[in-house]
Protein backbone atom coordinates (compact mmCIF):
# COMPACT_ATOMS: atom_id res chain seq x y z
CA MET A 1 180.43 19.41 -34.09
CA ILE A 2 181.16 16.24 -32.10
CA LEU A 3 177.85 16.63 -30.29
CA LYS A 4 175.87 16.90 -33.53
CA GLU A 5 177.44 13.71 -34.87
CA LYS A 6 176.89 11.89 -31.58
CA PHE A 7 173.15 12.64 -31.55
CA ASP A 8 172.47 12.63 -35.30
CA LYS A 9 170.90 9.17 -35.20
CA LYS A 10 169.06 9.76 -31.92
CA ASN A 11 165.56 11.11 -31.44
CA LEU A 12 166.29 14.10 -29.21
CA ILE A 13 163.19 15.53 -27.51
CA LEU A 14 163.09 18.89 -25.75
CA ALA A 15 160.29 18.78 -23.18
CA SER A 16 159.80 22.54 -23.09
CA ASN A 17 157.88 25.25 -24.93
CA SER A 18 160.49 27.87 -24.00
CA PRO A 19 161.64 29.72 -27.13
CA ARG A 20 164.96 30.42 -25.38
CA ARG A 21 165.65 26.72 -24.72
CA LYS A 22 164.66 25.85 -28.29
CA GLN A 23 167.08 28.48 -29.60
CA PHE A 24 169.92 27.20 -27.42
CA LEU A 25 169.60 23.63 -28.77
CA THR A 26 169.28 24.96 -32.31
CA ASP A 27 172.44 27.04 -31.80
CA LEU A 28 174.25 23.85 -30.72
CA GLY A 29 173.40 22.44 -34.14
CA LEU A 30 171.18 19.69 -32.73
CA HIS A 31 168.12 18.25 -34.47
CA PHE A 32 165.29 17.77 -32.00
CA SER A 33 161.54 17.70 -31.61
CA VAL A 34 159.53 19.57 -29.00
CA SER A 35 157.13 17.77 -26.69
CA PRO A 36 156.32 19.90 -23.64
CA ALA A 37 155.88 18.08 -20.35
CA ASN A 38 152.77 19.67 -18.92
CA VAL A 39 152.96 18.90 -15.22
CA ASN A 40 151.74 20.55 -12.06
CA GLU A 41 154.75 22.55 -10.90
CA GLU A 42 153.80 22.42 -7.24
CA TYR A 43 156.38 20.86 -4.94
CA PRO A 44 156.52 19.58 -1.35
CA SER A 45 156.70 22.49 1.09
CA HIS A 46 159.86 21.20 2.81
CA LEU A 47 161.95 21.62 -0.36
CA THR A 48 164.19 24.67 -0.74
CA GLY A 49 166.53 26.14 -3.37
CA LYS A 50 168.02 23.66 -5.81
CA ASP A 51 165.84 20.83 -4.53
CA ILE A 52 162.74 22.59 -5.86
CA ALA A 53 164.17 22.86 -9.38
CA LEU A 54 165.49 19.28 -9.26
CA TYR A 55 162.10 17.97 -8.12
CA ILE A 56 160.20 19.74 -10.92
CA ALA A 57 162.71 18.74 -13.63
CA LEU A 58 162.31 15.12 -12.46
CA GLN A 59 158.50 15.46 -12.46
CA LYS A 60 158.67 16.65 -16.06
CA ALA A 61 160.88 13.68 -17.00
CA SER A 62 158.46 11.24 -15.34
CA VAL A 63 155.88 12.06 -18.04
CA PHE A 64 158.05 10.19 -20.55
CA ASN A 65 157.63 6.54 -19.52
CA ASN A 66 157.53 4.67 -22.82
CA LEU A 67 160.70 5.84 -24.53
CA ALA A 68 161.97 4.01 -27.60
CA PRO A 69 165.63 2.86 -27.53
CA ASN A 70 166.62 5.85 -29.69
CA ASP A 71 164.78 8.51 -27.65
CA ILE A 72 166.54 10.99 -25.39
CA VAL A 73 164.45 13.54 -23.49
CA ILE A 74 165.73 16.78 -21.98
CA THR A 75 163.63 18.48 -19.30
CA CYS A 76 164.50 21.65 -17.42
CA ASP A 77 163.14 23.83 -14.66
CA THR A 78 164.37 27.26 -13.57
CA ILE A 79 163.55 29.07 -10.35
CA VAL A 80 164.62 32.32 -8.77
CA TRP A 81 165.57 31.96 -5.09
CA VAL A 82 165.56 35.10 -2.93
CA ASP A 83 164.99 35.66 0.79
CA GLU A 84 164.41 31.90 1.32
CA THR A 85 161.56 32.07 -1.20
CA SER A 86 161.13 30.54 -4.65
CA LEU A 87 159.84 32.83 -7.38
CA GLY A 88 158.33 30.96 -10.29
CA LYS A 89 156.41 32.45 -13.19
CA PRO A 90 154.09 35.33 -12.26
CA GLU A 91 150.37 34.69 -12.60
CA ASN A 92 149.52 38.29 -13.50
CA LYS A 93 150.75 41.87 -13.76
CA THR A 94 150.45 42.55 -10.01
CA GLU A 95 152.49 39.47 -9.13
CA ALA A 96 155.11 40.34 -11.77
CA ILE A 97 155.55 43.81 -10.27
CA GLU A 98 155.76 42.39 -6.73
CA MET A 99 158.47 39.93 -7.81
CA LEU A 100 160.60 42.65 -9.40
CA GLU A 101 160.18 44.86 -6.34
CA LYS A 102 161.40 41.93 -4.23
CA LEU A 103 164.49 41.54 -6.46
CA SER A 104 165.31 45.27 -6.50
CA ASN A 105 168.66 46.15 -4.88
CA LYS A 106 169.32 42.50 -3.93
CA THR A 107 171.36 39.50 -4.99
CA HIS A 108 169.36 36.38 -5.78
CA GLN A 109 170.10 32.92 -7.16
CA VAL A 110 168.85 31.58 -10.46
CA ILE A 111 168.75 27.79 -10.23
CA SER A 112 168.16 25.58 -13.25
CA ALA A 113 167.84 21.83 -13.00
CA VAL A 114 168.08 19.57 -16.05
CA CYS A 115 167.14 15.93 -16.49
CA ILE A 116 168.40 13.87 -19.44
CA LYS A 117 166.46 10.64 -19.81
CA SER A 118 166.53 7.63 -22.11
CA ALA A 119 164.90 4.20 -21.90
CA GLU A 120 167.99 2.91 -20.04
CA LYS A 121 169.04 5.76 -17.76
CA GLU A 122 168.28 9.12 -16.25
CA HIS A 123 170.73 11.86 -15.23
CA LEU A 124 169.89 14.94 -13.15
CA PHE A 125 172.09 18.00 -12.61
CA TYR A 126 171.76 21.69 -11.80
CA ASP A 127 173.54 25.03 -11.95
CA VAL A 128 173.34 28.15 -9.77
CA THR A 129 174.06 31.73 -10.87
CA GLU A 130 174.04 34.72 -8.55
CA VAL A 131 172.42 37.84 -10.03
CA SER A 132 172.58 41.30 -8.43
CA PHE A 133 170.04 43.97 -9.31
CA ASN A 134 170.47 47.70 -8.81
CA VAL A 135 167.59 49.63 -7.29
CA LEU A 136 164.70 49.27 -9.75
CA GLN A 137 162.50 52.35 -10.00
CA LYS A 138 158.74 51.77 -9.86
CA ASN A 139 158.19 53.39 -13.27
CA ASP A 140 160.91 51.18 -14.82
CA ILE A 141 159.30 48.05 -13.35
CA ALA A 142 155.86 49.12 -14.64
CA TYR A 143 157.26 49.89 -18.10
CA TYR A 144 159.05 46.54 -18.28
CA VAL A 145 156.03 44.48 -17.20
CA ASP A 146 153.66 46.38 -19.53
CA THR A 147 156.01 46.22 -22.52
CA PHE A 148 157.69 42.82 -22.21
CA LYS A 149 154.97 40.85 -20.37
CA PRO A 150 157.39 38.50 -18.56
CA PHE A 151 154.70 36.03 -17.48
CA ASP A 152 156.57 33.01 -18.87
CA LYS A 153 159.76 33.76 -16.91
CA ALA A 154 160.79 32.69 -13.42
CA GLY A 155 161.19 35.74 -11.21
CA SER A 156 159.32 37.83 -13.77
CA TYR A 157 162.35 38.90 -15.80
CA GLY A 158 164.55 37.97 -18.71
CA ILE A 159 168.21 38.95 -18.31
CA GLN A 160 168.44 39.31 -22.10
CA GLU A 161 165.62 41.89 -22.13
CA TRP A 162 165.44 45.61 -21.31
CA ILE A 163 165.30 45.09 -17.53
CA GLY A 164 168.55 43.12 -17.71
CA LEU A 165 170.23 45.89 -19.66
CA ILE A 166 169.27 48.65 -17.24
CA GLY A 167 168.94 46.84 -13.93
CA ILE A 168 171.50 44.10 -13.48
CA LYS A 169 174.65 45.18 -11.69
CA LYS A 170 176.55 41.86 -11.94
CA ILE A 171 176.23 38.13 -12.35
CA ASN A 172 178.39 35.41 -10.90
CA GLY A 173 178.11 32.20 -12.91
CA SER A 174 176.53 31.05 -16.15
CA TYR A 175 174.67 33.63 -18.23
CA THR A 176 172.75 30.95 -20.16
CA ASN A 177 171.58 29.49 -16.87
CA VAL A 178 169.86 32.81 -16.10
CA VAL A 179 168.28 32.82 -19.57
CA GLY A 180 166.82 29.39 -18.77
CA MET A 181 169.21 26.49 -19.38
CA PRO A 182 172.82 25.97 -18.23
CA MET A 183 174.22 25.28 -21.70
CA GLU A 184 177.88 24.87 -20.71
CA LYS A 185 176.91 22.07 -18.31
CA LEU A 186 174.36 20.57 -20.68
CA TYR A 187 176.92 20.44 -23.49
CA ASN A 188 179.40 18.55 -21.30
CA GLU A 189 176.71 16.24 -19.90
CA LEU A 190 175.58 15.35 -23.44
CA LEU A 191 179.18 14.76 -24.55
CA ASN A 192 179.57 12.30 -21.67
CA TRP A 193 176.16 10.67 -22.15
């Protein structure tokens, strides 16, 4: 519980509405408030892979300009990178289905970038996990999208949900990174903060 003691007198702010990220910080035993950074998640067209996630995490952190000395903000962005294309959150059912069809029978990267920011400093880091899907049947994709409505998830899926149970062949890297925040790295970065 070193981390809990270290941040007990700090005002830790999670700049995300993600229930998964909230649960991760709660599971670490941290006390924090939630203040989502509502930013336009568009990025310059020349950016690829990790640079997209890093750019958006930094954009989210830039919202917090007037931090008190005790404030520490954590922002995060997760993308799915496949076939030289970034898959963010699907806009609708059709897009969700198209994304899952694109991921079927392929290996893709899940890239999460995190920014920790205080009044004095800012630290940016990322993690990459490779995820391999089996062939996803059209009726399984339709069932998943209709039942789980993955419209708040990059790449249109949650590894912890039904589609992850039946469709993922293997992962190489951090599981929590695929869920939405690389907790092993975040834990160490906070310890060294």
